[in-house]
N, C-alpha and C. Protein backbone atom coordinates (compact mmCIF):
# COMPACT_ATOMS: atom_id res chain seq x y z
N TYR A 1 -6.78 5.96 35.46
CA TYR A 1 -8.18 6.24 35.71
C TYR A 1 -9.02 5.96 34.48
N PHE A 2 -10.29 5.74 34.71
CA PHE A 2 -11.21 5.41 33.63
C PHE A 2 -12.45 6.29 33.69
N ASP A 3 -13.14 6.35 32.58
CA ASP A 3 -14.44 7.01 32.49
C ASP A 3 -15.41 6.03 31.86
N SER A 4 -16.70 6.28 32.07
CA SER A 4 -17.73 5.42 31.52
C SER A 4 -18.87 6.28 30.98
N ASP A 5 -19.46 5.84 29.87
CA ASP A 5 -20.61 6.51 29.31
C ASP A 5 -21.56 5.44 28.77
N ASP A 6 -22.76 5.39 29.29
CA ASP A 6 -23.78 4.43 28.85
C ASP A 6 -23.26 2.98 28.93
N GLY A 7 -22.45 2.70 29.97
CA GLY A 7 -21.93 1.37 30.18
C GLY A 7 -20.67 1.04 29.40
N VAL A 8 -20.19 1.98 28.57
CA VAL A 8 -18.99 1.77 27.75
C VAL A 8 -17.78 2.29 28.51
N LEU A 9 -16.71 1.49 28.55
CA LEU A 9 -15.51 1.84 29.30
C LEU A 9 -14.51 2.59 28.42
N TYR A 10 -14.02 3.71 28.95
CA TYR A 10 -13.05 4.57 28.25
C TYR A 10 -11.88 4.85 29.18
N SER A 11 -10.77 5.27 28.58
CA SER A 11 -9.68 5.80 29.38
C SER A 11 -10.13 7.16 29.91
N GLU A 12 -9.38 7.70 30.84
CA GLU A 12 -9.74 9.00 31.42
C GLU A 12 -9.86 10.06 30.33
N GLY A 13 -10.93 10.83 30.40
CA GLY A 13 -11.17 11.88 29.41
C GLY A 13 -11.83 11.36 28.14
N PHE A 14 -12.21 10.09 28.12
CA PHE A 14 -12.90 9.45 26.98
C PHE A 14 -12.02 9.39 25.72
N ILE A 15 -10.69 9.44 25.89
CA ILE A 15 -9.76 9.46 24.76
C ILE A 15 -9.72 8.11 24.04
N GLU A 16 -9.65 7.03 24.80
CA GLU A 16 -9.59 5.69 24.21
C GLU A 16 -10.83 4.89 24.60
N LEU A 17 -11.49 4.31 23.62
CA LEU A 17 -12.60 3.41 23.90
C LEU A 17 -11.99 2.04 24.16
N ILE A 18 -12.17 1.55 25.37
CA ILE A 18 -11.54 0.31 25.79
C ILE A 18 -12.47 -0.89 25.59
N TYR A 19 -13.75 -0.73 25.99
CA TYR A 19 -14.64 -1.89 25.90
C TYR A 19 -16.10 -1.45 25.87
N CYS A 20 -16.83 -2.02 24.93
CA CYS A 20 -18.27 -1.84 24.84
C CYS A 20 -18.89 -3.20 25.15
N PRO A 21 -19.72 -3.28 26.17
CA PRO A 21 -20.27 -4.58 26.58
C PRO A 21 -20.99 -5.31 25.45
N SER A 22 -20.90 -6.61 25.45
CA SER A 22 -21.52 -7.41 24.40
C SER A 22 -23.05 -7.31 24.43
N LYS A 23 -23.60 -6.91 25.53
CA LYS A 23 -25.05 -6.74 25.64
C LYS A 23 -25.45 -5.26 25.60
N TYR A 24 -24.69 -4.47 24.86
CA TYR A 24 -25.02 -3.05 24.69
C TYR A 24 -26.44 -2.94 24.16
N ALA A 25 -27.22 -2.02 24.70
CA ALA A 25 -28.67 -2.00 24.46
C ALA A 25 -29.10 -1.48 23.08
N ASN A 26 -28.27 -0.73 22.40
CA ASN A 26 -28.69 -0.11 21.13
C ASN A 26 -28.05 -0.77 19.92
N SER A 27 -28.71 -0.65 18.78
CA SER A 27 -28.15 -1.19 17.54
C SER A 27 -27.21 -0.19 16.86
N GLU A 28 -27.32 1.09 17.23
CA GLU A 28 -26.45 2.12 16.66
C GLU A 28 -25.50 2.64 17.75
N PHE A 29 -24.25 2.87 17.34
CA PHE A 29 -23.26 3.39 18.27
C PHE A 29 -22.55 4.57 17.63
N ASP A 30 -22.60 5.72 18.28
CA ASP A 30 -21.87 6.91 17.84
C ASP A 30 -20.66 7.09 18.74
N VAL A 31 -19.48 7.03 18.15
CA VAL A 31 -18.25 7.21 18.92
C VAL A 31 -18.22 8.66 19.41
N LEU A 32 -17.87 8.85 20.67
CA LEU A 32 -17.83 10.19 21.24
C LEU A 32 -16.82 11.08 20.52
N ASP A 33 -17.09 12.36 20.47
CA ASP A 33 -16.17 13.31 19.82
C ASP A 33 -14.79 13.31 20.46
N GLU A 34 -14.72 13.08 21.77
CA GLU A 34 -13.43 13.09 22.47
C GLU A 34 -12.57 11.87 22.16
N THR A 35 -13.19 10.81 21.69
CA THR A 35 -12.50 9.54 21.48
C THR A 35 -11.68 9.57 20.19
N THR A 36 -10.39 9.29 20.33
CA THR A 36 -9.50 9.27 19.16
C THR A 36 -8.93 7.88 18.89
N VAL A 37 -9.09 6.95 19.85
CA VAL A 37 -8.52 5.61 19.71
C VAL A 37 -9.57 4.55 20.07
N ILE A 38 -9.66 3.52 19.22
CA ILE A 38 -10.48 2.35 19.51
C ILE A 38 -9.51 1.21 19.79
N ARG A 39 -9.55 0.66 20.98
CA ARG A 39 -8.62 -0.38 21.37
C ARG A 39 -8.97 -1.74 20.78
N SER A 40 -7.99 -2.64 20.75
CA SER A 40 -8.21 -4.02 20.31
C SER A 40 -9.31 -4.67 21.14
N TYR A 41 -10.18 -5.41 20.45
CA TYR A 41 -11.27 -6.16 21.06
C TYR A 41 -12.30 -5.27 21.76
N ALA A 42 -12.34 -3.99 21.45
CA ALA A 42 -13.26 -3.06 22.12
C ALA A 42 -14.72 -3.46 21.96
N PHE A 43 -15.07 -4.03 20.81
CA PHE A 43 -16.45 -4.42 20.55
C PHE A 43 -16.59 -5.93 20.38
N TYR A 44 -15.66 -6.68 20.89
CA TYR A 44 -15.62 -8.13 20.72
C TYR A 44 -16.94 -8.79 21.11
N ASN A 45 -17.45 -9.65 20.22
CA ASN A 45 -18.68 -10.42 20.45
C ASN A 45 -19.92 -9.56 20.68
N ASN A 46 -19.93 -8.36 20.15
CA ASN A 46 -21.09 -7.50 20.33
C ASN A 46 -22.01 -7.66 19.13
N TYR A 47 -23.05 -8.45 19.29
CA TYR A 47 -23.97 -8.73 18.19
C TYR A 47 -25.11 -7.73 18.08
N SER A 48 -25.30 -6.91 19.11
CA SER A 48 -26.42 -5.97 19.08
C SER A 48 -26.14 -4.74 18.21
N ILE A 49 -24.89 -4.32 18.13
CA ILE A 49 -24.55 -3.12 17.34
C ILE A 49 -24.41 -3.50 15.87
N THR A 50 -25.19 -2.84 15.03
CA THR A 50 -25.12 -3.08 13.58
C THR A 50 -24.58 -1.86 12.83
N THR A 51 -24.58 -0.70 13.49
CA THR A 51 -24.14 0.54 12.85
C THR A 51 -23.22 1.31 13.80
N ILE A 52 -22.06 1.73 13.28
CA ILE A 52 -21.12 2.55 14.06
C ILE A 52 -20.79 3.80 13.25
N THR A 53 -20.79 4.95 13.92
CA THR A 53 -20.41 6.21 13.27
C THR A 53 -19.20 6.78 13.99
N PHE A 54 -18.18 7.10 13.19
CA PHE A 54 -16.96 7.73 13.71
C PHE A 54 -16.96 9.19 13.32
N HIS A 55 -16.67 10.04 14.28
CA HIS A 55 -16.56 11.48 14.03
C HIS A 55 -15.26 11.76 13.29
N GLN A 56 -15.02 12.99 13.01
CA GLN A 56 -13.84 13.36 12.21
C GLN A 56 -12.52 13.28 12.97
N TYR A 57 -12.55 13.08 14.29
CA TYR A 57 -11.31 13.11 15.07
C TYR A 57 -10.72 11.73 15.36
N ILE A 58 -11.36 10.67 14.91
CA ILE A 58 -10.84 9.33 15.18
C ILE A 58 -9.48 9.18 14.50
N GLN A 59 -8.48 8.70 15.25
CA GLN A 59 -7.12 8.61 14.73
C GLN A 59 -6.61 7.18 14.59
N VAL A 60 -7.00 6.29 15.51
CA VAL A 60 -6.46 4.93 15.51
C VAL A 60 -7.57 3.92 15.76
N ILE A 61 -7.58 2.86 14.95
CA ILE A 61 -8.43 1.70 15.20
C ILE A 61 -7.50 0.50 15.30
N SER A 62 -7.52 -0.14 16.44
CA SER A 62 -6.60 -1.25 16.69
C SER A 62 -7.12 -2.56 16.11
N ALA A 63 -6.19 -3.48 15.88
CA ALA A 63 -6.52 -4.79 15.33
C ALA A 63 -7.56 -5.48 16.18
N TYR A 64 -8.46 -6.20 15.54
CA TYR A 64 -9.51 -6.99 16.17
C TYR A 64 -10.54 -6.14 16.94
N ALA A 65 -10.56 -4.84 16.71
CA ALA A 65 -11.48 -3.95 17.44
C ALA A 65 -12.94 -4.37 17.27
N PHE A 66 -13.29 -4.88 16.09
CA PHE A 66 -14.68 -5.24 15.80
C PHE A 66 -14.83 -6.73 15.52
N GLU A 67 -14.04 -7.52 16.19
CA GLU A 67 -14.07 -8.96 15.95
C GLU A 67 -15.38 -9.58 16.40
N ASN A 68 -15.90 -10.47 15.55
CA ASN A 68 -17.06 -11.28 15.85
C ASN A 68 -18.30 -10.43 16.15
N MET A 69 -18.62 -9.54 15.22
CA MET A 69 -19.79 -8.66 15.36
C MET A 69 -20.77 -8.88 14.22
N ASN A 70 -21.91 -8.25 14.33
CA ASN A 70 -22.93 -8.30 13.29
C ASN A 70 -23.06 -6.93 12.63
N LEU A 71 -21.94 -6.29 12.36
CA LEU A 71 -21.94 -4.95 11.75
C LEU A 71 -22.49 -4.98 10.33
N HIS A 72 -23.25 -3.96 9.98
CA HIS A 72 -23.74 -3.79 8.63
C HIS A 72 -23.25 -2.48 8.02
N THR A 73 -23.12 -1.46 8.86
CA THR A 73 -22.78 -0.13 8.36
C THR A 73 -21.77 0.55 9.28
N ILE A 74 -20.73 1.11 8.65
CA ILE A 74 -19.76 1.94 9.37
C ILE A 74 -19.67 3.25 8.61
N THR A 75 -19.74 4.36 9.34
CA THR A 75 -19.64 5.67 8.71
C THR A 75 -18.46 6.43 9.30
N PHE A 76 -17.62 6.95 8.42
CA PHE A 76 -16.51 7.81 8.82
C PHE A 76 -16.83 9.22 8.34
N GLU A 77 -16.96 10.16 9.28
CA GLU A 77 -17.30 11.54 8.93
C GLU A 77 -16.08 12.36 8.54
N GLY A 78 -14.90 11.94 8.91
CA GLY A 78 -13.68 12.69 8.62
C GLY A 78 -13.20 12.52 7.19
N LEU A 79 -12.29 13.41 6.79
CA LEU A 79 -11.75 13.37 5.44
C LEU A 79 -10.52 12.45 5.34
N LYS A 80 -9.86 12.19 6.48
CA LYS A 80 -8.68 11.33 6.49
C LYS A 80 -9.00 10.05 7.24
N PRO A 81 -8.54 8.92 6.74
CA PRO A 81 -8.81 7.66 7.43
C PRO A 81 -7.98 7.56 8.71
N PRO A 82 -8.45 6.77 9.67
CA PRO A 82 -7.64 6.53 10.86
C PRO A 82 -6.49 5.58 10.53
N PHE A 83 -5.48 5.56 11.38
CA PHE A 83 -4.42 4.58 11.29
C PHE A 83 -5.00 3.27 11.82
N VAL A 84 -4.87 2.20 11.06
CA VAL A 84 -5.42 0.90 11.45
C VAL A 84 -4.26 -0.04 11.73
N THR A 85 -4.22 -0.57 12.96
CA THR A 85 -3.11 -1.44 13.36
C THR A 85 -3.45 -2.88 13.06
N GLY A 86 -3.10 -3.33 11.89
CA GLY A 86 -3.35 -4.71 11.50
C GLY A 86 -4.46 -4.82 10.48
N SER A 87 -4.50 -5.97 9.83
CA SER A 87 -5.47 -6.16 8.75
C SER A 87 -6.75 -6.84 9.22
N LYS A 88 -6.80 -7.25 10.47
CA LYS A 88 -7.95 -8.02 10.95
C LYS A 88 -8.80 -7.22 11.92
N VAL A 89 -9.24 -6.09 11.49
CA VAL A 89 -10.09 -5.24 12.33
C VAL A 89 -11.49 -5.84 12.46
N PHE A 90 -12.00 -6.46 11.38
CA PHE A 90 -13.35 -7.02 11.36
C PHE A 90 -13.33 -8.54 11.37
N ASP A 91 -12.33 -9.14 11.95
CA ASP A 91 -12.18 -10.59 11.92
C ASP A 91 -13.43 -11.29 12.46
N ASP A 92 -13.90 -12.29 11.74
CA ASP A 92 -15.08 -13.09 12.10
C ASP A 92 -16.35 -12.26 12.25
N SER A 93 -16.42 -11.13 11.54
CA SER A 93 -17.63 -10.31 11.54
C SER A 93 -18.37 -10.48 10.22
N ASN A 94 -19.50 -9.86 10.12
CA ASN A 94 -20.31 -9.89 8.90
C ASN A 94 -19.47 -9.49 7.69
N SER A 95 -19.50 -10.25 6.63
CA SER A 95 -18.69 -9.95 5.45
C SER A 95 -19.35 -8.94 4.51
N ASP A 96 -20.59 -8.55 4.81
CA ASP A 96 -21.31 -7.60 3.96
C ASP A 96 -21.31 -6.18 4.52
N ILE A 97 -20.30 -5.83 5.28
CA ILE A 97 -20.23 -4.49 5.88
C ILE A 97 -20.08 -3.45 4.78
N LYS A 98 -20.87 -2.38 4.89
CA LYS A 98 -20.74 -1.23 4.00
C LYS A 98 -20.06 -0.11 4.77
N ILE A 99 -19.03 0.47 4.16
CA ILE A 99 -18.27 1.55 4.79
C ILE A 99 -18.58 2.84 4.05
N TYR A 100 -19.21 3.77 4.74
CA TYR A 100 -19.57 5.06 4.14
C TYR A 100 -18.52 6.10 4.53
N ILE A 101 -18.04 6.81 3.53
CA ILE A 101 -17.05 7.86 3.77
C ILE A 101 -17.52 9.14 3.09
N HIS A 102 -16.95 10.25 3.52
CA HIS A 102 -17.26 11.56 2.93
C HIS A 102 -16.85 11.56 1.47
N LYS A 103 -17.58 12.28 0.64
CA LYS A 103 -17.29 12.30 -0.80
C LYS A 103 -15.88 12.82 -1.10
N ASP A 104 -15.31 13.64 -0.22
CA ASP A 104 -13.97 14.19 -0.44
C ASP A 104 -12.89 13.49 0.37
N ALA A 105 -13.22 12.39 1.02
CA ALA A 105 -12.25 11.67 1.84
C ALA A 105 -11.14 11.08 0.97
N ILE A 106 -9.96 10.95 1.56
CA ILE A 106 -8.81 10.43 0.82
C ILE A 106 -8.28 9.13 1.45
N ASN A 107 -7.75 8.27 0.62
CA ASN A 107 -6.96 7.10 0.99
C ASN A 107 -7.68 6.00 1.77
N PHE A 108 -8.99 6.01 1.89
CA PHE A 108 -9.68 4.93 2.60
C PHE A 108 -9.52 3.61 1.85
N GLU A 109 -9.55 3.65 0.54
CA GLU A 109 -9.44 2.44 -0.26
C GLU A 109 -8.09 1.75 -0.11
N GLN A 110 -7.10 2.47 0.40
CA GLN A 110 -5.76 1.91 0.53
C GLN A 110 -5.52 1.20 1.86
N ILE A 111 -6.51 1.20 2.73
CA ILE A 111 -6.35 0.55 4.03
C ILE A 111 -6.65 -0.94 3.88
N GLY A 112 -5.66 -1.76 4.16
CA GLY A 112 -5.79 -3.20 3.99
C GLY A 112 -6.95 -3.81 4.76
N ALA A 113 -7.23 -3.29 5.95
CA ALA A 113 -8.33 -3.83 6.76
C ALA A 113 -9.68 -3.63 6.10
N PHE A 114 -9.79 -2.68 5.17
CA PHE A 114 -11.05 -2.41 4.49
C PHE A 114 -11.16 -3.14 3.16
N TYR A 115 -10.11 -3.87 2.79
CA TYR A 115 -10.12 -4.57 1.51
C TYR A 115 -11.24 -5.61 1.49
N GLY A 116 -12.00 -5.62 0.41
CA GLY A 116 -13.07 -6.58 0.24
C GLY A 116 -14.42 -6.10 0.74
N TYR A 117 -14.43 -4.97 1.43
CA TYR A 117 -15.70 -4.39 1.89
C TYR A 117 -16.11 -3.27 0.94
N GLU A 118 -17.40 -3.07 0.82
CA GLU A 118 -17.91 -2.03 -0.07
C GLU A 118 -17.69 -0.66 0.58
N ILE A 119 -16.99 0.22 -0.14
CA ILE A 119 -16.76 1.59 0.34
C ILE A 119 -17.60 2.52 -0.52
N ILE A 120 -18.45 3.29 0.13
CA ILE A 120 -19.41 4.15 -0.56
C ILE A 120 -19.14 5.60 -0.20
N ARG A 121 -18.97 6.42 -1.22
CA ARG A 121 -18.77 7.86 -0.99
C ARG A 121 -20.12 8.53 -0.88
N ALA A 122 -20.36 9.19 0.24
CA ALA A 122 -21.65 9.84 0.48
C ALA A 122 -21.47 11.35 0.58
N GLU A 123 -22.55 12.05 0.37
CA GLU A 123 -22.51 13.53 0.51
C GLU A 123 -22.31 13.92 1.93
């Protein structure tokens, strides 16, 4: 079974974000609190979203989840980074992505998929 919110497809209970349409209407996307997994190609070819915010419960981001996007800002509110399956999470996306993390967050700099992107510790 599946669930949907604002045109975005999720697994039942909003646990896994499966697909966000390429013509999503907003430039900012807040991942639902219930969502713990972002599937591969979930935001593929989505040029409208420039900012994504992850709550503290996100656990897994799959390879190619943000392929071919115009992302500028990603914010992680949690203290621990998600498990990232593969090094090509942002393949063919904007190379100037800024990743904001909590000032007390641990181990984000060690995630290969984030290598080469600016990681900023925020209050």
